[in-house]
Amino acid sequence: MALGVAGVGAVTVASAAPPSATLSVEQIETEIGQATVDWPAGVAAAAFEVEGIEGATGFAGDTGSRPMASVAKLLFAAVLLDARPLAPGEAGPSITLSERDVAHLAAGVRQGASVLPVAVGDVLTQRQLLEAAMLISASNATMTLADWAWGSHDGYLAAAGAWLDEQGIVGLEVADATGLSARGVATTAGLLDLMDAVDARPALREISGTATATLPRIGLIENTNEALGSAGIDSGKTGNLYAHGRTVLVSATRVVGGTPVRVRVALLGIQPGVDRGAVTAALVDSVATNLQWLTVLPADAEVAHDVPWGAPVELETTSAIHILHWRGTPVRVAVHAPAAWDPDAAASLDLQVGDTSRSVALAPSGAPTEPSLDWRLQRAAEALAKRL
């Protein structure tokens, strides 16, 4: 595949040095396609992003703030694990429960929340309480952990606000640790940023993606995230505030041409009758179909450096240029090389995908031949004729 040349300058016939030439890409025929996402019906707000892929983000419905319900517990867990870290698989410190923790249980029951049965003197580990909060959304588990880590619920609220500022996450307003308050709201864009933070914390990604666990008093518990295990979904949290609809925030690992990528999805205001797990998995699947390995230039791509007296010197790509590409994202190529032939000067292709660019080195295939005596004489005769 040849990439074209433009603008040959003046020739000095007495010199064997090649003339100047401006290099340019004449045309790159790259089929970028067009992304098509099947957005779920019966959902007030939806969003997705693919980590590290330019242009792979989208929003539908309400882009403002809506109640996030128990997805707030995912934020709580991220803040907690930064304050009291756990390694994947680690149980963490043991916590002995008191009358205060039994009062949190009673409050959760009065509010109609999911709860973990506890009694004074029960001993649970930090991980067990997090499993209760993540898998069955036990409100009293988060309150117990808040008291343990910060001394009070207000202590948690202050820590959460500072944590969001430190992470640069906007669009989330924290009202409580449990998500029971309708004042705890988020935008789908803010939730995607939160899920990015979850993915960066291996223990939280592990716990929120755990299918089952065994806890004291209650025994075997199962994760209430219906989408878990479908479409590559391996972490996240669901929520439900009946007056405002259900919610979900998840991450999935998808493999495209042998390369794993992270797909994140947020849904708010899921209406009654909508299968939350099914629409979440379907959106992840739809997003994944728009990812492709795109060959921008093959290994034999050439930029010809024009030499008027003979064959051009070719600058070549040393290998094929492939990119993991979101369909429809513009791809542009520009050549950067010296205007005059210089075997020691670097030459490159600049590849721009959306707002992200990278440079690819070009290698010369050889050096130009010396101009023949006949060619020099002919140029000299033409120059002399112009002066007469």
Protein backbone atom coordinates (compact mmCIF):
# COMPACT_ATOMS: atom_id res chain seq x y z
CA MET A 1 0.00 0.00 0.00
CA ALA A 2 1.69 3.26 -1.13
CA LEU A 3 1.20 6.56 0.62
CA GLY A 4 1.60 9.48 -1.76
CA VAL A 5 4.08 12.33 -2.22
CA ALA A 6 3.60 15.98 -3.02
CA GLY A 7 5.72 19.08 -3.79
CA VAL A 8 9.10 18.38 -5.39
CA GLY A 9 11.34 21.45 -5.13
CA ALA A 10 14.08 22.96 -7.34
CA VAL A 11 16.87 20.73 -8.64
CA THR A 12 20.57 21.64 -8.59
CA VAL A 13 21.92 19.59 -11.46
CA ALA A 14 25.56 19.85 -10.44
CA SER A 15 24.88 18.06 -7.17
CA ALA A 16 24.20 14.40 -6.63
CA ALA A 17 22.17 15.17 -3.48
CA PRO A 18 18.47 14.30 -3.81
CA PRO A 19 16.09 17.26 -4.15
CA SER A 20 13.79 18.38 -1.39
CA ALA A 21 10.36 16.79 -1.19
CA THR A 22 7.38 17.23 1.07
CA LEU A 23 5.84 14.00 2.29
CA SER A 24 2.13 13.61 2.86
CA VAL A 25 -0.40 10.87 3.29
CA GLU A 26 -2.51 10.84 0.16
CA GLN A 27 -5.29 8.65 1.48
CA ILE A 28 -5.83 6.03 4.12
CA GLU A 29 -8.76 3.81 3.35
CA THR A 30 -9.76 2.65 6.83
CA GLU A 31 -13.28 1.41 7.41
CA ILE A 32 -14.11 2.72 10.89
CA GLY A 33 -17.77 1.68 10.83
CA GLN A 34 -20.46 3.17 13.03
CA ALA A 35 -21.25 2.26 16.63
CA THR A 36 -24.78 1.08 17.42
CA VAL A 37 -25.79 0.57 21.06
CA ASP A 38 -29.07 -1.08 22.04
CA TRP A 39 -30.17 0.98 25.04
CA PRO A 40 -32.58 -0.71 27.47
CA ALA A 41 -36.22 0.31 27.62
CA GLY A 42 -37.90 1.12 30.94
CA VAL A 43 -34.78 2.76 32.40
CA ALA A 44 -34.59 6.46 33.33
CA ALA A 45 -30.83 6.82 32.86
CA ALA A 46 -28.14 4.59 31.37
CA ALA A 47 -24.43 4.92 30.63
CA PHE A 48 -21.40 2.86 29.67
CA GLU A 49 -17.68 3.19 29.18
CA VAL A 50 -14.88 0.93 28.00
CA GLU A 51 -11.65 1.48 29.87
CA GLY A 52 -8.81 2.86 27.77
CA ILE A 53 -10.67 2.92 24.45
CA GLU A 54 -11.02 6.36 22.86
CA GLY A 55 -14.62 7.28 22.11
CA ALA A 56 -16.09 4.25 23.90
CA THR A 57 -18.51 6.00 26.21
CA GLY A 58 -22.19 6.78 25.92
CA PHE A 59 -25.21 8.10 27.80
CA ALA A 60 -28.97 7.77 27.36
CA GLY A 61 -31.92 9.26 29.20
CA ASP A 62 -31.55 11.55 32.19
CA THR A 63 -27.97 12.80 32.62
CA GLY A 64 -28.84 14.59 35.87
CA SER A 65 -28.77 13.27 39.44
CA ARG A 66 -31.09 10.47 40.57
CA PRO A 67 -31.25 8.37 43.76
CA MET A 68 -28.59 5.65 43.67
CA ALA A 69 -30.15 3.50 46.43
CA SER A 70 -27.87 0.73 47.72
CA VAL A 71 -25.21 1.45 45.12
CA ALA A 72 -24.21 3.91 47.87
CA LYS A 73 -22.88 0.88 49.76
CA LEU A 74 -20.31 0.38 47.00
CA LEU A 75 -19.06 3.90 47.64
CA PHE A 76 -19.05 3.15 51.37
CA ALA A 77 -16.95 0.02 50.82
CA ALA A 78 -14.41 1.88 48.66
CA VAL A 79 -13.98 4.59 51.31
CA LEU A 80 -13.73 1.97 54.06
CA LEU A 81 -11.09 -0.12 52.28
CA ASP A 82 -8.92 2.94 51.74
CA ALA A 83 -9.15 3.66 55.48
CA ARG A 84 -8.92 0.01 56.61
CA PRO A 85 -7.30 -1.93 53.75
CA LEU A 86 -7.86 -5.63 53.07
CA ALA A 87 -5.97 -7.85 50.67
CA PRO A 88 -8.01 -10.19 48.44
CA GLY A 89 -9.04 -13.20 50.51
CA GLU A 90 -8.08 -11.55 53.80
CA ALA A 91 -10.60 -11.72 56.66
CA GLY A 92 -9.40 -8.58 58.43
CA PRO A 93 -9.89 -7.66 62.08
CA SER A 94 -12.59 -9.25 64.24
CA ILE A 95 -15.34 -6.93 65.49
CA THR A 96 -17.37 -7.71 68.61
CA LEU A 97 -20.93 -6.38 68.37
CA SER A 98 -22.62 -4.31 71.06
CA GLU A 99 -26.04 -2.89 71.90
CA ARG A 100 -25.33 -0.13 69.41
CA ASP A 101 -25.09 -2.68 66.61
CA VAL A 102 -28.34 -4.35 67.66
CA ALA A 103 -29.94 -0.90 67.52
CA HIS A 104 -28.72 -0.57 63.90
CA LEU A 105 -30.46 -3.89 63.17
CA ALA A 106 -33.72 -2.68 64.71
CA ALA A 107 -33.54 0.58 62.74
CA GLY A 108 -33.03 -1.32 59.50
CA VAL A 109 -36.05 -3.52 60.20
CA ARG A 110 -38.22 -0.46 60.90
CA GLN A 111 -37.11 1.07 57.56
CA GLY A 112 -37.87 -2.10 55.64
CA ALA A 113 -34.22 -2.53 54.70
CA SER A 114 -32.27 -5.72 54.14
CA VAL A 115 -30.50 -6.68 57.37
CA LEU A 116 -28.07 -9.19 58.84
CA PRO A 117 -29.36 -10.91 62.04
CA VAL A 118 -26.99 -10.12 64.94
CA ALA A 119 -26.91 -10.15 68.73
CA VAL A 120 -24.80 -8.58 71.45
CA GLY A 121 -21.48 -10.39 71.69
CA ASP A 122 -21.45 -11.73 68.11
CA VAL A 123 -18.01 -11.57 66.52
CA LEU A 124 -17.69 -10.93 62.79
CA THR A 125 -14.69 -10.04 60.68
CA GLN A 126 -14.40 -6.93 58.57
CA ARG A 127 -14.73 -9.10 55.46
CA GLN A 128 -17.88 -10.84 56.73
CA LEU A 129 -19.57 -7.52 57.37
CA LEU A 130 -18.54 -6.31 53.91
CA GLU A 131 -19.93 -9.52 52.40
CA ALA A 132 -23.23 -8.86 54.16
CA ALA A 133 -23.28 -5.29 52.82
CA MET A 134 -22.30 -6.23 49.26
CA LEU A 135 -24.10 -9.54 48.72
CA ILE A 136 -27.40 -9.06 50.58
CA SER A 137 -27.23 -5.26 51.02
CA ALA A 138 -27.49 -5.47 54.82
CA SER A 139 -27.93 -1.89 56.02
CA ASN A 140 -26.90 -2.64 59.61
CA ALA A 141 -23.60 -4.13 58.40
CA THR A 142 -22.59 -0.78 56.88
CA MET A 143 -23.62 1.11 60.01
CA THR A 144 -21.58 -1.24 62.22
CA LEU A 145 -18.55 -0.80 59.96
CA ALA A 146 -19.00 2.99 59.96
CA ASP A 147 -18.97 3.06 63.77
CA TRP A 148 -15.92 0.75 63.85
CA ALA A 149 -13.86 2.69 61.29
CA TRP A 150 -14.85 6.33 62.01
CA GLY A 151 -16.56 6.29 65.39
CA SER A 152 -19.92 7.39 64.00
CA HIS A 153 -22.05 7.71 60.89
CA ASP A 154 -21.20 11.41 60.72
CA GLY A 155 -17.54 10.44 60.74
CA TYR A 156 -18.16 8.33 57.66
CA LEU A 157 -20.01 11.14 55.85
CA ALA A 158 -17.05 13.48 56.38
CA ALA A 159 -14.63 10.79 55.17
CA ALA A 160 -16.74 10.07 52.09
CA GLY A 161 -16.84 13.72 51.07
CA ALA A 162 -13.07 14.01 51.42
CA TRP A 163 -12.56 10.74 49.51
CA LEU A 164 -14.68 11.90 46.57
CA ASP A 165 -12.67 15.11 46.41
CA GLU A 166 -9.39 13.19 46.50
CA GLN A 167 -10.53 10.85 43.73
CA GLY A 168 -11.83 13.71 41.60
CA ILE A 169 -15.26 12.07 41.37
CA VAL A 170 -18.12 14.50 40.80
CA GLY A 171 -21.85 13.92 40.47
CA LEU A 172 -22.30 11.96 43.72
CA GLU A 173 -23.97 13.34 46.84
CA VAL A 174 -23.63 11.18 49.94
CA ALA A 175 -26.53 11.22 52.40
CA ASP A 176 -25.90 7.99 54.31
CA ALA A 177 -23.86 4.80 54.31
CA THR A 178 -26.81 2.57 53.44
CA GLY A 179 -28.43 4.18 50.40
CA LEU A 180 -31.81 4.29 52.14
CA SER A 181 -32.06 8.06 51.81
CA ALA A 182 -33.42 9.48 48.53
CA ARG A 183 -31.04 12.40 49.08
CA GLY A 184 -28.15 10.11 48.20
CA VAL A 185 -28.03 10.83 44.46
CA ALA A 186 -25.66 10.33 41.56
CA THR A 187 -25.31 10.93 37.86
CA THR A 188 -24.53 7.96 35.66
CA ALA A 189 -21.25 9.66 34.71
CA GLY A 190 -20.29 9.90 38.38
CA LEU A 191 -21.17 6.24 38.93
CA LEU A 192 -18.90 5.16 36.06
CA ASP A 193 -16.05 7.02 37.77
CA LEU A 194 -16.93 5.25 41.03
CA MET A 195 -16.80 1.88 39.26
CA ASP A 196 -13.38 2.78 37.89
CA ALA A 197 -12.26 3.25 41.50
CA VAL A 198 -13.81 -0.09 42.49
CA ASP A 199 -11.91 -1.85 39.70
CA ALA A 200 -8.68 -0.36 41.08
CA ARG A 201 -9.28 -1.99 44.50
CA PRO A 202 -8.82 -5.76 44.15
CA ALA A 203 -10.42 -6.71 47.47
CA LEU A 204 -13.60 -4.73 46.72
CA ARG A 205 -13.79 -6.07 43.19
CA GLU A 206 -13.44 -9.57 44.66
CA ILE A 207 -16.03 -9.16 47.43
CA SER A 208 -18.65 -7.40 45.28
CA GLY A 209 -18.22 -10.17 42.69
CA THR A 210 -18.58 -13.03 45.18
CA ALA A 211 -21.54 -15.24 44.32
CA THR A 212 -22.07 -16.80 47.77
CA ALA A 213 -20.72 -16.60 51.31
CA THR A 214 -21.44 -18.17 54.69
CA LEU A 215 -22.10 -15.92 57.69
CA PRO A 216 -22.86 -16.57 61.40
CA ARG A 217 -26.54 -16.97 62.31
CA ILE A 218 -27.78 -16.63 58.74
CA GLY A 219 -25.64 -19.30 57.05
CA LEU A 220 -25.36 -19.32 53.24
CA ILE A 221 -26.09 -16.03 51.49
CA GLU A 222 -26.32 -15.38 47.75
CA ASN A 223 -25.43 -12.21 45.88
CA THR A 224 -28.57 -10.26 44.93
CA ASN A 225 -26.87 -8.85 41.81
CA GLU A 226 -28.82 -10.77 39.16
CA ALA A 227 -26.41 -9.80 36.38
CA LEU A 228 -23.36 -11.29 38.10
CA GLY A 229 -21.82 -14.03 35.95
CA SER A 230 -23.62 -12.96 32.77
CA ALA A 231 -21.92 -11.15 29.86
CA GLY A 232 -18.61 -11.23 31.73
CA ILE A 233 -19.98 -9.18 34.66
CA ASP A 234 -17.79 -9.87 37.69
CA SER A 235 -18.29 -7.01 40.16
CA GLY A 236 -20.67 -4.23 41.18
CA LYS A 237 -23.79 -3.54 43.21
CA THR A 238 -27.55 -3.23 42.84
CA GLY A 239 -30.06 -1.10 44.72
CA ASN A 240 -33.76 -0.42 45.09
CA LEU A 241 -35.75 2.54 46.36
CA TYR A 242 -39.33 1.68 45.50
CA ALA A 243 -40.45 5.26 44.87
CA HIS A 244 -37.50 5.97 42.58
CA GLY A 245 -36.81 2.67 40.85
CA ARG A 246 -34.00 0.16 40.97
CA THR A 247 -30.34 0.77 40.22
CA VAL A 248 -27.25 -1.14 39.14
CA LEU A 249 -23.55 -0.42 38.66
CA VAL A 250 -21.31 -3.17 37.28
CA SER A 251 -18.04 -3.97 35.55
CA ALA A 252 -17.41 -6.79 33.10
CA THR A 253 -14.34 -8.30 31.50
CA ARG A 254 -14.70 -8.92 27.77
CA VAL A 255 -12.05 -10.38 25.48
CA VAL A 256 -11.64 -8.81 22.04
CA GLY A 257 -9.19 -10.59 19.75
CA GLY A 258 -7.37 -12.06 22.72
CA THR A 259 -7.18 -8.77 24.63
CA PRO A 260 -9.24 -8.34 27.85
CA VAL A 261 -11.05 -5.01 28.28
CA ARG A 262 -13.19 -3.63 31.10
CA VAL A 263 -16.75 -2.56 30.29
CA ARG A 264 -18.65 -0.56 32.90
CA VAL A 265 -22.42 0.02 32.93
CA ALA A 266 -24.65 2.18 35.15
CA LEU A 267 -28.47 2.15 35.19
CA LEU A 268 -30.75 4.36 37.32
CA GLY A 269 -34.52 4.47 37.66
CA ILE A 270 -35.21 0.93 36.44
CA GLN A 271 -38.99 0.59 36.27
CA PRO A 272 -41.07 -2.27 37.73
CA GLY A 273 -41.41 -5.23 35.40
CA VAL A 274 -38.00 -4.69 33.80
CA ASP A 275 -35.61 -7.63 34.26
CA ARG A 276 -32.68 -5.75 35.78
CA GLY A 277 -30.15 -8.54 35.32
CA ALA A 278 -31.16 -9.20 31.72
CA VAL A 279 -31.07 -5.56 30.57
CA THR A 280 -27.73 -4.99 32.30
CA ALA A 281 -26.15 -8.01 30.60
CA ALA A 282 -27.72 -7.07 27.26
CA LEU A 283 -26.22 -3.58 27.43
CA VAL A 284 -22.75 -4.99 28.17
CA ASP A 285 -23.15 -7.38 25.21
CA SER A 286 -24.28 -4.56 22.92
CA VAL A 287 -21.33 -2.39 23.91
CA ALA A 288 -18.87 -5.23 23.32
CA THR A 289 -20.08 -5.78 19.74
CA ASN A 290 -18.82 -2.29 18.85
CA LEU A 291 -15.21 -3.08 19.76
CA GLN A 292 -12.94 -4.19 16.93
CA TRP A 293 -9.29 -4.72 16.13
CA LEU A 294 -8.68 -2.30 13.25
CA THR A 295 -5.73 -2.56 10.88
CA VAL A 296 -4.83 1.05 10.07
CA LEU A 297 -1.77 0.22 7.98
CA PRO A 298 -0.31 -3.13 6.90
CA ALA A 299 3.32 -4.06 7.45
CA ASP A 300 4.23 -3.14 3.83
CA ALA A 301 2.85 0.42 3.96
CA GLU A 302 5.24 2.82 2.22
CA VAL A 303 5.76 6.57 1.98
CA ALA A 304 7.74 7.35 -1.17
CA HIS A 305 10.43 10.06 -0.94
CA ASP A 306 10.53 11.26 -4.56
CA VAL A 307 13.83 11.18 -6.45
CA PRO A 308 13.36 12.64 -9.97
CA TRP A 309 16.18 10.74 -11.66
CA GLY A 310 15.32 7.30 -10.40
CA ALA A 311 13.22 5.10 -8.20
CA PRO A 312 11.85 6.75 -5.05
CA VAL A 313 13.29 5.95 -1.64
CA GLU A 314 10.63 4.32 0.46
CA LEU A 315 9.94 4.94 4.14
CA GLU A 316 8.15 1.90 5.47
CA THR A 317 6.21 0.83 8.51
CA THR A 318 8.23 -1.87 10.22
CA SER A 319 5.12 -3.80 11.27
CA ALA A 320 1.38 -3.66 10.80
CA ILE A 321 -0.41 -0.98 12.83
CA HIS A 322 -3.40 -2.42 14.70
CA ILE A 323 -5.58 -0.62 17.23
CA LEU A 324 -8.38 -1.74 19.51
CA HIS A 325 -11.05 0.58 18.18
CA TRP A 326 -14.54 1.76 19.04
CA ARG A 327 -16.54 1.78 15.81
CA GLY A 328 -17.04 5.26 14.38
CA THR A 329 -14.13 6.92 16.23
CA PRO A 330 -12.18 8.99 13.64
CA VAL A 331 -8.72 7.71 12.69
CA ARG A 332 -6.21 10.14 11.13
CA VAL A 333 -2.64 9.61 9.95
CA ALA A 334 0.02 12.28 9.35
CA VAL A 335 3.63 11.86 8.14
CA HIS A 336 6.53 13.62 9.83
CA ALA A 337 9.80 13.40 7.89
CA PRO A 338 12.57 15.77 6.71
CA ALA A 339 11.72 17.73 3.56
CA ALA A 340 15.05 16.71 2.01
CA TRP A 341 16.50 13.24 2.00
CA ASP A 342 18.53 12.67 5.16
CA PRO A 343 19.43 9.09 6.05
CA ASP A 344 20.13 10.10 9.66
CA ALA A 345 16.89 11.98 10.29
CA ALA A 346 13.98 10.27 12.00
CA ALA A 347 10.72 9.84 10.18
CA SER A 348 7.41 8.78 11.70
CA LEU A 349 3.69 8.43 11.23
CA ASP A 350 1.44 10.14 13.78
CA LEU A 351 -1.70 8.10 14.34
CA GLN A 352 -4.60 9.97 15.95
CA VAL A 353 -7.66 8.12 17.20
CA GLY A 354 -10.23 10.57 18.49
CA ASP A 355 -8.28 12.84 20.86
CA THR A 356 -5.48 10.33 21.51
CA SER A 357 -2.34 10.16 19.39
CA ARG A 358 0.68 7.90 19.08
CA SER A 359 3.81 7.95 16.96
CA VAL A 360 4.99 5.06 14.76
CA ALA A 361 8.56 5.03 13.45
CA LEU A 362 9.24 4.71 9.71
CA ALA A 363 12.37 3.01 8.37
CA PRO A 364 14.00 3.79 4.98
CA SER A 365 14.18 0.90 2.57
CA GLY A 366 17.52 2.14 1.18
CA ALA A 367 19.34 5.19 -0.18
CA PRO A 368 18.75 6.95 -3.53
CA THR A 369 20.96 6.11 -6.50
CA GLU A 370 23.38 8.69 -7.88
CA PRO A 371 21.97 10.66 -10.86
CA SER A 372 23.31 9.41 -14.17
CA LEU A 373 25.51 11.54 -16.43
CA ASP A 374 22.74 11.62 -19.07
CA TRP A 375 20.26 12.92 -16.51
CA ARG A 376 22.66 15.67 -15.40
CA LEU A 377 23.40 16.71 -18.96
CA GLN A 378 19.70 16.82 -19.82
CA ARG A 379 18.92 19.00 -16.80
CA ALA A 380 21.85 21.29 -17.65
CA ALA A 381 20.60 21.68 -21.22
CA GLU A 382 17.08 22.49 -19.98
CA ALA A 383 18.46 25.09 -17.56
CA LEU A 384 20.57 26.68 -20.31
CA ALA A 385 17.59 26.83 -22.69
CA LYS A 386 15.56 28.77 -20.10
CA ARG A 387 18.26 31.41 -19.85
CA LEU A 388 18.38 32.03 -23.65
